[in-house]
Amino acid sequence: MRALTVFSSVPRRLSPPVKIGITGLPGSGKTQTLLRIIQLLEEEGVTVGGMVTEPIVERQRRTGFQITNWLTKEHEVFAHEGLKSRVRSGRYGVNLAALEGLGTRSLAEAREAADVIVIDEVGKMEVESETFTQSVIDTLDAKKSIVMTLHKKSRNPLLQDIRRRDELRLLEVTPVNKNLLAFKIVHLITGRAH
């Protein structure tokens, strides 16, 4: 009897795709946890792509945020105290053009070229853009593992729809678990412990 060999489109180093949402209060360490996940995956040779939001710090004070295309390392100011914009979030003016350009392109390129896609963050500022919102939905429908950070308390319809998805595992960053959560998530993606 001949054995049937089945080839999977999933790289051998990864488990079947998982969708993980990291939630937590502002300042809880969502982005730091995501950056640690990226580091651990890349150390294993996994290609990570998508969008990461990082703070802009001037004179030891956060004055805004920049978005970075993780595949290309291209970045652009997304929100800043000094930015004049009709869209505001707290003390920040929001640059929707950066989100709709670089942010959306980051997700599209990740859908094509990355093994794992990251989206940081789906929050109050990001859901102001219908273009970016559609890109997030398109990305969630991709047959790839995704790790995204989510604003914890927002009642925005996109965030509520994301939280209701059956395939999404929501994990909360807390002071107790923030050092171990990255390892747990990498294990879920690769199927191996660290």
N, C-alpha and C. Protein backbone atom coordinates (compact mmCIF):
# COMPACT_ATOMS: atom_id res chain seq x y z
N MET A 1 0.84 -1.18 0.00
CA MET A 1 0.00 0.00 0.00
C MET A 1 0.88 1.24 0.00
N ARG A 2 0.57 2.19 -0.87
CA ARG A 2 1.35 3.42 -0.97
C ARG A 2 0.85 4.48 0.00
N ALA A 3 1.77 5.13 0.66
CA ALA A 3 1.41 6.21 1.58
C ALA A 3 1.15 7.47 0.78
N LEU A 4 0.18 8.21 1.17
CA LEU A 4 -0.16 9.47 0.52
C LEU A 4 0.56 10.60 1.27
N THR A 5 1.33 11.38 0.54
CA THR A 5 2.03 12.50 1.13
C THR A 5 1.19 13.77 0.92
N VAL A 6 0.94 14.48 1.98
CA VAL A 6 0.18 15.72 1.89
C VAL A 6 1.13 16.88 2.18
N PHE A 7 1.17 17.83 1.28
CA PHE A 7 2.02 19.00 1.47
C PHE A 7 1.15 20.15 1.94
N SER A 8 1.60 20.82 2.95
CA SER A 8 0.87 21.94 3.51
C SER A 8 1.49 23.24 3.03
N SER A 9 0.67 24.26 2.86
CA SER A 9 1.20 25.58 2.48
C SER A 9 1.75 26.33 3.70
N VAL A 10 1.56 25.77 4.89
CA VAL A 10 2.07 26.38 6.12
C VAL A 10 3.54 26.01 6.27
N PRO A 11 4.44 27.01 6.43
CA PRO A 11 5.84 26.67 6.63
C PRO A 11 6.00 25.71 7.81
N ARG A 12 6.97 24.81 7.73
CA ARG A 12 7.15 23.79 8.77
C ARG A 12 7.39 24.37 10.15
N ARG A 13 7.93 25.56 10.21
CA ARG A 13 8.26 26.11 11.51
C ARG A 13 7.05 26.74 12.22
N LEU A 14 5.88 26.75 11.57
CA LEU A 14 4.71 27.38 12.17
C LEU A 14 3.56 26.39 12.32
N SER A 15 2.76 26.61 13.34
CA SER A 15 1.52 25.86 13.52
C SER A 15 0.50 26.41 12.53
N PRO A 16 -0.66 25.75 12.39
CA PRO A 16 -1.71 26.34 11.56
C PRO A 16 -2.03 27.76 12.05
N PRO A 17 -2.49 28.63 11.15
CA PRO A 17 -2.69 30.04 11.53
C PRO A 17 -3.56 30.24 12.76
N VAL A 18 -3.13 31.18 13.61
CA VAL A 18 -3.90 31.59 14.78
C VAL A 18 -4.07 33.10 14.73
N LYS A 19 -5.16 33.57 15.28
CA LYS A 19 -5.43 35.01 15.36
C LYS A 19 -5.47 35.37 16.85
N ILE A 20 -4.59 36.27 17.25
CA ILE A 20 -4.45 36.61 18.67
C ILE A 20 -4.60 38.11 18.85
N GLY A 21 -5.46 38.49 19.78
CA GLY A 21 -5.62 39.88 20.14
C GLY A 21 -5.04 40.11 21.52
N ILE A 22 -4.13 41.07 21.62
CA ILE A 22 -3.55 41.44 22.91
C ILE A 22 -4.28 42.70 23.36
N THR A 23 -4.87 42.63 24.53
CA THR A 23 -5.60 43.77 25.06
C THR A 23 -5.02 44.16 26.41
N GLY A 24 -5.37 45.33 26.86
CA GLY A 24 -4.88 45.81 28.14
C GLY A 24 -5.12 47.30 28.25
N LEU A 25 -5.01 47.79 29.44
CA LEU A 25 -5.19 49.22 29.68
C LEU A 25 -4.05 50.01 29.03
N PRO A 26 -4.26 51.30 28.73
CA PRO A 26 -3.16 52.11 28.22
C PRO A 26 -1.96 52.04 29.16
N GLY A 27 -0.77 51.85 28.60
CA GLY A 27 0.44 51.77 29.40
C GLY A 27 0.70 50.41 30.01
N SER A 28 -0.13 49.41 29.68
CA SER A 28 0.02 48.08 30.29
C SER A 28 1.16 47.27 29.68
N GLY A 29 1.63 47.67 28.50
CA GLY A 29 2.73 46.95 27.87
C GLY A 29 2.33 46.17 26.63
N LYS A 30 1.23 46.55 25.99
CA LYS A 30 0.78 45.84 24.79
C LYS A 30 1.83 45.90 23.68
N THR A 31 2.31 47.09 23.37
CA THR A 31 3.29 47.23 22.30
C THR A 31 4.61 46.57 22.67
N GLN A 32 5.06 46.71 23.92
CA GLN A 32 6.31 46.07 24.34
C GLN A 32 6.20 44.55 24.22
N THR A 33 5.04 44.00 24.57
CA THR A 33 4.82 42.56 24.44
C THR A 33 4.87 42.17 22.97
N LEU A 34 4.23 42.95 22.11
CA LEU A 34 4.24 42.67 20.68
C LEU A 34 5.67 42.72 20.12
N LEU A 35 6.44 43.72 20.52
CA LEU A 35 7.83 43.83 20.04
C LEU A 35 8.66 42.62 20.49
N ARG A 36 8.41 42.12 21.68
CA ARG A 36 9.12 40.92 22.17
C ARG A 36 8.70 39.69 21.36
N ILE A 37 7.42 39.58 21.02
CA ILE A 37 6.94 38.49 20.17
C ILE A 37 7.65 38.53 18.83
N ILE A 38 7.71 39.72 18.23
CA ILE A 38 8.39 39.88 16.94
C ILE A 38 9.84 39.43 17.04
N GLN A 39 10.53 39.88 18.10
CA GLN A 39 11.93 39.51 18.29
C GLN A 39 12.10 37.99 18.36
N LEU A 40 11.26 37.34 19.16
CA LEU A 40 11.36 35.88 19.32
C LEU A 40 11.08 35.16 18.00
N LEU A 41 10.08 35.61 17.26
CA LEU A 41 9.76 34.98 15.98
C LEU A 41 10.88 35.17 14.97
N GLU A 42 11.40 36.39 14.89
CA GLU A 42 12.47 36.66 13.93
C GLU A 42 13.74 35.88 14.27
N GLU A 43 14.00 35.66 15.56
CA GLU A 43 15.14 34.83 15.95
C GLU A 43 15.01 33.40 15.42
N GLU A 44 13.78 32.96 15.18
CA GLU A 44 13.52 31.63 14.63
C GLU A 44 13.44 31.63 13.10
N GLY A 45 13.68 32.79 12.49
CA GLY A 45 13.65 32.86 11.03
C GLY A 45 12.27 33.09 10.45
N VAL A 46 11.30 33.46 11.28
CA VAL A 46 9.95 33.74 10.81
C VAL A 46 9.91 35.17 10.27
N THR A 47 9.32 35.35 9.10
CA THR A 47 9.17 36.69 8.51
C THR A 47 7.93 37.34 9.09
N VAL A 48 8.13 38.48 9.75
CA VAL A 48 7.04 39.22 10.37
C VAL A 48 6.85 40.51 9.60
N GLY A 49 5.59 40.83 9.31
CA GLY A 49 5.27 42.07 8.63
C GLY A 49 4.01 42.67 9.21
N GLY A 50 3.75 43.91 8.84
CA GLY A 50 2.57 44.60 9.33
C GLY A 50 2.93 45.99 9.82
N MET A 51 2.12 46.50 10.74
CA MET A 51 2.26 47.86 11.21
C MET A 51 2.45 47.89 12.72
N VAL A 52 3.46 48.65 13.15
CA VAL A 52 3.71 48.84 14.58
C VAL A 52 3.66 50.33 14.87
N THR A 53 2.99 50.69 15.95
CA THR A 53 2.89 52.09 16.39
C THR A 53 3.83 52.28 17.57
N GLU A 54 4.74 53.24 17.43
CA GLU A 54 5.70 53.48 18.50
C GLU A 54 5.64 54.94 18.94
N PRO A 55 5.91 55.20 20.23
CA PRO A 55 5.83 56.58 20.72
C PRO A 55 6.97 57.44 20.17
N ILE A 56 6.66 58.71 20.01
CA ILE A 56 7.68 59.72 19.71
C ILE A 56 7.94 60.42 21.04
N VAL A 57 9.19 60.39 21.49
CA VAL A 57 9.54 60.99 22.77
C VAL A 57 10.49 62.15 22.50
N GLU A 58 10.12 63.31 23.00
CA GLU A 58 10.95 64.51 22.86
C GLU A 58 11.14 65.10 24.25
N ARG A 59 12.41 65.33 24.61
CA ARG A 59 12.75 65.85 25.95
C ARG A 59 12.10 65.00 27.05
N GLN A 60 12.23 63.69 26.91
CA GLN A 60 11.77 62.71 27.90
C GLN A 60 10.25 62.75 28.11
N ARG A 61 9.51 63.17 27.08
CA ARG A 61 8.06 63.26 27.17
C ARG A 61 7.45 62.77 25.87
N ARG A 62 6.41 61.93 25.97
CA ARG A 62 5.75 61.44 24.76
C ARG A 62 4.97 62.58 24.12
N THR A 63 5.27 62.84 22.85
CA THR A 63 4.61 63.94 22.14
C THR A 63 3.81 63.44 20.94
N GLY A 64 3.86 62.15 20.67
CA GLY A 64 3.11 61.62 19.54
C GLY A 64 3.44 60.17 19.29
N PHE A 65 3.04 59.71 18.09
CA PHE A 65 3.26 58.33 17.69
C PHE A 65 3.65 58.27 16.22
N GLN A 66 4.50 57.31 15.89
CA GLN A 66 4.81 57.05 14.49
C GLN A 66 4.40 55.62 14.17
N ILE A 67 4.01 55.40 12.91
CA ILE A 67 3.73 54.04 12.48
C ILE A 67 4.90 53.57 11.63
N THR A 68 5.21 52.28 11.75
CA THR A 68 6.33 51.68 11.03
C THR A 68 5.84 50.46 10.27
N ASN A 69 6.21 50.38 8.99
CA ASN A 69 5.99 49.18 8.19
C ASN A 69 7.09 48.22 8.63
N TRP A 70 6.72 47.13 9.30
CA TRP A 70 7.73 46.26 9.89
C TRP A 70 8.60 45.57 8.85
N LEU A 71 8.06 45.31 7.66
CA LEU A 71 8.87 44.66 6.61
C LEU A 71 9.94 45.59 6.06
N THR A 72 9.56 46.85 5.80
CA THR A 72 10.48 47.78 5.12
C THR A 72 11.17 48.75 6.08
N LYS A 73 10.66 48.85 7.30
CA LYS A 73 11.12 49.79 8.34
C LYS A 73 10.83 51.25 7.97
N GLU A 74 10.05 51.49 6.92
CA GLU A 74 9.60 52.84 6.59
C GLU A 74 8.68 53.31 7.70
N HIS A 75 8.79 54.58 8.09
CA HIS A 75 7.92 55.08 9.16
C HIS A 75 7.46 56.49 8.85
N GLU A 76 6.38 56.85 9.53
CA GLU A 76 5.77 58.16 9.31
C GLU A 76 5.05 58.59 10.58
N VAL A 77 5.03 59.90 10.84
CA VAL A 77 4.32 60.42 12.01
C VAL A 77 2.83 60.20 11.79
N PHE A 78 2.21 59.59 12.79
CA PHE A 78 0.79 59.28 12.71
C PHE A 78 -0.04 60.23 13.59
N ALA A 79 0.50 60.61 14.73
CA ALA A 79 -0.19 61.52 15.63
C ALA A 79 0.86 62.33 16.38
N HIS A 80 0.56 63.61 16.58
CA HIS A 80 1.54 64.46 17.28
C HIS A 80 0.81 65.66 17.89
N GLU A 81 1.36 66.13 19.00
CA GLU A 81 0.78 67.30 19.68
C GLU A 81 0.75 68.52 18.77
N GLY A 82 1.80 68.70 17.97
CA GLY A 82 1.90 69.88 17.12
C GLY A 82 1.23 69.74 15.76
N LEU A 83 0.59 68.63 15.51
CA LEU A 83 -0.02 68.38 14.20
C LEU A 83 -1.41 69.00 14.14
N LYS A 84 -1.60 69.86 13.14
CA LYS A 84 -2.92 70.46 12.91
C LYS A 84 -3.74 69.47 12.10
N SER A 85 -4.89 69.08 12.64
CA SER A 85 -5.72 68.09 11.97
C SER A 85 -7.16 68.23 12.43
N ARG A 86 -8.10 67.96 11.52
CA ARG A 86 -9.51 67.97 11.91
C ARG A 86 -9.82 66.78 12.82
N VAL A 87 -8.99 65.73 12.75
CA VAL A 87 -9.17 64.55 13.59
C VAL A 87 -8.20 64.67 14.76
N ARG A 88 -8.75 64.62 15.96
CA ARG A 88 -7.93 64.74 17.16
C ARG A 88 -8.25 63.59 18.10
N SER A 89 -7.24 63.19 18.86
CA SER A 89 -7.43 62.20 19.92
C SER A 89 -6.68 62.72 21.13
N GLY A 90 -7.44 63.18 22.11
CA GLY A 90 -6.80 63.81 23.26
C GLY A 90 -6.02 65.02 22.82
N ARG A 91 -4.74 65.06 23.16
CA ARG A 91 -3.92 66.23 22.82
C ARG A 91 -3.23 66.09 21.45
N TYR A 92 -3.49 64.98 20.75
CA TYR A 92 -2.81 64.71 19.49
C TYR A 92 -3.67 65.03 18.27
N GLY A 93 -3.04 65.67 17.29
CA GLY A 93 -3.63 65.75 15.97
C GLY A 93 -3.28 64.46 15.24
N VAL A 94 -4.23 63.90 14.48
CA VAL A 94 -4.04 62.61 13.84
C VAL A 94 -3.85 62.79 12.34
N ASN A 95 -2.81 62.15 11.81
CA ASN A 95 -2.48 62.19 10.38
C ASN A 95 -3.09 60.96 9.71
N LEU A 96 -4.36 61.08 9.29
CA LEU A 96 -5.04 59.95 8.66
C LEU A 96 -4.36 59.53 7.36
N ALA A 97 -3.73 60.48 6.66
CA ALA A 97 -3.06 60.15 5.40
C ALA A 97 -1.93 59.14 5.63
N ALA A 98 -1.22 59.25 6.74
CA ALA A 98 -0.15 58.29 7.06
C ALA A 98 -0.75 56.91 7.29
N LEU A 99 -1.84 56.86 8.01
CA LEU A 99 -2.51 55.59 8.30
C LEU A 99 -3.05 54.96 7.02
N GLU A 100 -3.71 55.78 6.20
CA GLU A 100 -4.31 55.26 4.98
C GLU A 100 -3.27 54.93 3.91
N GLY A 101 -2.12 55.57 3.97
CA GLY A 101 -1.04 55.27 3.03
C GLY A 101 -0.15 54.17 3.57
N LEU A 102 0.77 54.55 4.43
CA LEU A 102 1.76 53.61 4.97
C LEU A 102 1.11 52.48 5.78
N GLY A 103 0.14 52.81 6.61
CA GLY A 103 -0.49 51.78 7.44
C GLY A 103 -1.18 50.72 6.60
N THR A 104 -1.97 51.14 5.63
CA THR A 104 -2.69 50.20 4.78
C THR A 104 -1.73 49.42 3.91
N ARG A 105 -0.72 50.09 3.38
CA ARG A 105 0.30 49.42 2.55
C ARG A 105 1.08 48.39 3.37
N SER A 106 1.36 48.71 4.62
CA SER A 106 2.08 47.77 5.50
C SER A 106 1.31 46.46 5.64
N LEU A 107 -0.01 46.58 5.82
CA LEU A 107 -0.82 45.38 5.98
C LEU A 107 -0.93 44.60 4.66
N ALA A 108 -1.08 45.32 3.55
CA ALA A 108 -1.17 44.64 2.25
C ALA A 108 0.12 43.90 1.94
N GLU A 109 1.27 44.54 2.17
CA GLU A 109 2.56 43.89 1.91
C GLU A 109 2.75 42.68 2.83
N ALA A 110 2.30 42.79 4.07
CA ALA A 110 2.42 41.67 5.01
C ALA A 110 1.55 40.49 4.58
N ARG A 111 0.37 40.78 4.05
CA ARG A 111 -0.50 39.70 3.57
C ARG A 111 0.18 38.92 2.46
N GLU A 112 1.01 39.59 1.66
CA GLU A 112 1.71 38.95 0.54
C GLU A 112 3.01 38.27 0.96
N ALA A 113 3.79 38.90 1.84
CA ALA A 113 5.17 38.46 2.03
C ALA A 113 5.53 37.93 3.41
N ALA A 114 4.68 38.12 4.41
CA ALA A 114 5.05 37.73 5.78
C ALA A 114 4.47 36.37 6.15
N ASP A 115 5.14 35.70 7.07
CA ASP A 115 4.61 34.47 7.67
C ASP A 115 3.59 34.81 8.75
N VAL A 116 3.89 35.88 9.51
CA VAL A 116 3.04 36.33 10.62
C VAL A 116 2.81 37.83 10.43
N ILE A 117 1.56 38.26 10.64
CA ILE A 117 1.20 39.66 10.48
C ILE A 117 0.92 40.28 11.85
N VAL A 118 1.46 41.49 12.07
CA VAL A 118 1.20 42.22 13.30
C VAL A 118 0.45 43.51 12.98
N ILE A 119 -0.47 43.86 13.86
CA ILE A 119 -1.20 45.12 13.73
C ILE A 119 -1.21 45.78 15.11
N ASP A 120 -0.52 46.90 15.21
CA ASP A 120 -0.42 47.63 16.48
C ASP A 120 -0.72 49.10 16.19
N GLU A 121 -1.75 49.58 16.55
CA GLU A 121 -2.81 49.11 17.41
C GLU A 121 -4.12 49.33 16.67
N VAL A 122 -5.14 48.59 17.01
CA VAL A 122 -6.48 48.92 16.56
C VAL A 122 -7.13 49.61 17.75
N GLY A 123 -7.15 50.94 17.68
CA GLY A 123 -7.63 51.74 18.80
C GLY A 123 -8.48 52.90 18.32
N LYS A 124 -8.65 53.88 19.20
CA LYS A 124 -9.54 55.01 18.90
C LYS A 124 -9.09 55.82 17.70
N MET A 125 -7.80 56.07 17.58
CA MET A 125 -7.32 56.89 16.47
C MET A 125 -7.41 56.14 15.14
N GLU A 126 -7.07 54.86 15.16
CA GLU A 126 -6.99 54.08 13.93
C GLU A 126 -8.35 53.85 13.29
N VAL A 127 -9.39 53.71 14.10
CA VAL A 127 -10.71 53.41 13.54
C VAL A 127 -11.38 54.63 12.93
N GLU A 128 -10.71 55.78 12.97
CA GLU A 128 -11.23 56.99 12.31
C GLU A 128 -11.15 56.86 10.78
N SER A 129 -10.39 55.92 10.28
CA SER A 129 -10.19 55.76 8.85
C SER A 129 -10.93 54.53 8.32
N GLU A 130 -11.88 54.75 7.42
CA GLU A 130 -12.59 53.63 6.80
C GLU A 130 -11.65 52.79 5.94
N THR A 131 -10.69 53.44 5.29
CA THR A 131 -9.73 52.73 4.45
C THR A 131 -8.90 51.77 5.29
N PHE A 132 -8.39 52.25 6.42
CA PHE A 132 -7.60 51.40 7.30
C PHE A 132 -8.46 50.31 7.92
N THR A 133 -9.68 50.65 8.31
CA THR A 133 -10.60 49.67 8.88
C THR A 133 -10.81 48.51 7.91
N GLN A 134 -11.02 48.82 6.62
CA GLN A 134 -11.22 47.77 5.62
C GLN A 134 -9.94 46.93 5.47
N SER A 135 -8.78 47.57 5.55
CA SER A 135 -7.51 46.84 5.46
C SER A 135 -7.35 45.87 6.62
N VAL A 136 -7.78 46.28 7.82
CA VAL A 136 -7.73 45.39 8.98
C VAL A 136 -8.63 44.19 8.75
N ILE A 137 -9.83 44.42 8.25
CA ILE A 137 -10.77 43.33 7.97
C ILE A 137 -10.19 42.37 6.93
N ASP A 138 -9.61 42.94 5.85
CA ASP A 138 -8.98 42.10 4.82
C ASP A 138 -7.86 41.26 5.42
N THR A 139 -7.09 41.86 6.32
CA THR A 139 -5.98 41.16 6.95
C THR A 139 -6.48 40.05 7.86
N LEU A 140 -7.51 40.31 8.62
CA LEU A 140 -8.07 39.28 9.50
C LEU A 140 -8.58 38.08 8.71
N ASP A 141 -8.98 38.30 7.47
CA ASP A 141 -9.47 37.22 6.62
C ASP A 141 -8.34 36.43 5.96
N ALA A 142 -7.10 36.91 6.08
CA ALA A 142 -5.95 36.21 5.49
C ALA A 142 -5.71 34.89 6.21
N LYS A 143 -5.17 33.93 5.50
CA LYS A 143 -4.89 32.60 6.07
C LYS A 143 -3.48 32.58 6.66
N LYS A 144 -3.22 33.54 7.52
CA LYS A 144 -1.91 33.66 8.18
C LYS A 144 -2.14 33.94 9.66
N SER A 145 -1.12 33.65 10.46
CA SER A 145 -1.20 34.00 11.88
C SER A 145 -1.12 35.51 12.02
N ILE A 146 -1.92 36.04 12.93
CA ILE A 146 -1.99 37.48 13.16
C ILE A 146 -1.92 37.73 14.66
N VAL A 147 -1.12 38.73 15.04
CA VAL A 147 -1.10 39.21 16.41
C VAL A 147 -1.41 40.70 16.35
N MET A 148 -2.45 41.10 17.05
CA MET A 148 -2.84 42.51 17.03
C MET A 148 -3.06 43.02 18.45
N THR A 149 -2.78 44.29 18.64
CA THR A 149 -3.09 44.91 19.92
C THR A 149 -4.39 45.67 19.76
N LEU A 150 -5.22 45.59 20.79
CA LEU A 150 -6.55 46.18 20.76
C LEU A 150 -6.77 47.09 21.95
N HIS A 151 -7.37 48.24 21.70
CA HIS A 151 -7.77 49.13 22.78
C HIS A 151 -8.78 48.39 23.64
N LYS A 152 -8.59 48.39 24.93
CA LYS A 152 -9.40 47.54 25.81
C LYS A 152 -10.86 47.96 25.93
N LYS A 153 -11.13 49.23 26.07
CA LYS A 153 -12.48 49.64 26.45
C LYS A 153 -13.29 50.26 25.33
N SER A 154 -12.74 50.41 24.14
CA SER A 154 -13.46 51.10 23.08
C SER A 154 -14.72 50.35 22.69
N ARG A 155 -15.77 51.08 22.42
CA ARG A 155 -17.04 50.51 21.97
C ARG A 155 -17.20 50.65 20.46
N ASN A 156 -16.12 50.97 19.77
CA ASN A 156 -16.17 51.12 18.32
C ASN A 156 -16.66 49.83 17.66
N PRO A 157 -17.54 49.93 16.64
CA PRO A 157 -18.06 48.72 15.99
C PRO A 157 -16.98 47.78 15.44
N LEU A 158 -15.89 48.31 14.87
CA LEU A 158 -14.82 47.45 14.36
C LEU A 158 -14.22 46.64 15.50
N LEU A 159 -13.90 47.30 16.60
CA LEU A 159 -13.30 46.59 17.73
C LEU A 159 -14.26 45.55 18.32
N GLN A 160 -15.52 45.88 18.36
CA GLN A 160 -16.50 44.91 18.87
C GLN A 160 -16.61 43.72 17.92
N ASP A 161 -16.60 43.98 16.61
CA ASP A 161 -16.65 42.88 15.63
C ASP A 161 -15.42 41.99 15.73
N ILE A 162 -14.24 42.61 15.92
CA ILE A 162 -13.01 41.83 16.05
C ILE A 162 -13.10 40.95 17.30
N ARG A 163 -13.53 41.51 18.41
CA ARG A 163 -13.61 40.74 19.66
C ARG A 163 -14.60 39.57 19.55
N ARG A 164 -15.61 39.70 18.70
CA ARG A 164 -16.63 38.65 18.56
C ARG A 164 -16.20 37.53 17.60
N ARG A 165 -15.12 37.69 16.88
CA ARG A 165 -14.71 36.66 15.93
C ARG A 165 -14.38 35.36 16.66
N ASP A 166 -14.93 34.27 16.18
CA ASP A 166 -14.72 32.96 16.82
C ASP A 166 -13.26 32.54 16.82
N GLU A 167 -12.53 32.87 15.75
CA GLU A 167 -11.15 32.39 15.63
C GLU A 167 -10.15 33.24 16.43
N LEU A 168 -10.59 34.33 17.02
CA LEU A 168 -9.67 35.22 17.74
C LEU A 168 -9.55 34.82 19.20
N ARG A 169 -8.30 34.66 19.64
CA ARG A 169 -8.02 34.44 21.07
C ARG A 169 -7.61 35.78 21.65
N LEU A 170 -8.37 36.25 22.64
CA LEU A 170 -8.05 37.51 23.31
C LEU A 170 -7.25 37.22 24.56
N LEU A 171 -6.10 37.86 24.68
CA LEU A 171 -5.23 37.70 25.85
C LEU A 171 -4.93 39.08 26.41
N GLU A 172 -5.07 39.23 27.71
CA GLU A 172 -4.85 40.53 28.34
C GLU A 172 -3.47 40.62 28.96
N VAL A 173 -2.79 41.74 28.70
CA VAL A 173 -1.50 42.03 29.34
C VAL A 173 -1.79 42.60 30.72
N THR A 174 -1.15 42.00 31.73
CA THR A 174 -1.28 42.49 33.10
C THR A 174 0.12 42.59 33.70
N PRO A 175 0.26 43.29 34.83
CA PRO A 175 1.58 43.34 35.47
C PRO A 175 2.11 41.95 35.83
N VAL A 176 1.22 41.01 36.11
CA VAL A 176 1.63 39.67 36.51
C VAL A 176 2.13 38.85 35.32
N ASN A 177 1.48 38.97 34.15
CA ASN A 177 1.83 38.09 33.03
C ASN A 177 2.65 38.73 31.92
N LYS A 178 2.93 40.02 32.01
CA LYS A 178 3.52 40.69 30.85
C LYS A 178 4.89 40.14 30.45
N ASN A 179 5.64 39.55 31.37
CA ASN A 179 6.94 38.98 31.01
C ASN A 179 6.82 37.61 30.34
N LEU A 180 5.77 36.87 30.63
CA LEU A 180 5.60 35.53 30.07
C LEU A 180 4.67 35.47 28.87
N LEU A 181 3.83 36.49 28.69
CA LEU A 181 2.81 36.45 27.64
C LEU A 181 3.42 36.32 26.24
N ALA A 182 4.53 37.00 25.98
CA ALA A 182 5.17 36.90 24.66
C ALA A 182 5.56 35.45 24.36
N PHE A 183 6.11 34.76 25.33
CA PHE A 183 6.52 33.36 25.13
C PHE A 183 5.31 32.47 24.85
N LYS A 184 4.21 32.71 25.57
CA LYS A 184 2.98 31.93 25.37
C LYS A 184 2.46 32.12 23.94
N ILE A 185 2.45 33.36 23.47
CA ILE A 185 1.93 33.66 22.14
C ILE A 185 2.82 33.06 21.06
N VAL A 186 4.13 33.16 21.23
CA VAL A 186 5.05 32.55 20.25
C VAL A 186 4.84 31.04 20.22
N HIS A 187 4.61 30.42 21.35
CA HIS A 187 4.32 28.99 21.40
C HIS A 187 3.05 28.67 20.61
N LEU A 188 2.01 29.50 20.74
CA LEU A 188 0.78 29.27 19.99
C LEU A 188 1.02 29.38 18.48
N ILE A 189 1.93 30.26 18.06
CA ILE A 189 2.19 30.47 16.64
C ILE A 189 3.10 29.38 16.07
N THR A 190 4.12 29.00 16.83
CA THR A 190 5.13 28.05 16.30
C THR A 190 4.85 26.62 16.70
N GLY A 191 4.11 26.42 17.79
CA GLY A 191 3.89 25.08 18.30
C GLY A 191 5.04 24.57 19.15
N ARG A 192 6.00 25.45 19.43
CA ARG A 192 7.15 25.05 20.25
C ARG A 192 7.28 25.97 21.45
N ALA A 193 7.73 25.39 22.54
CA ALA A 193 7.99 26.19 23.76
C ALA A 193 9.34 26.87 23.65
N HIS A 194 9.49 27.95 24.40
CA HIS A 194 10.77 28.67 24.45
C HIS A 194 11.36 28.56 25.82
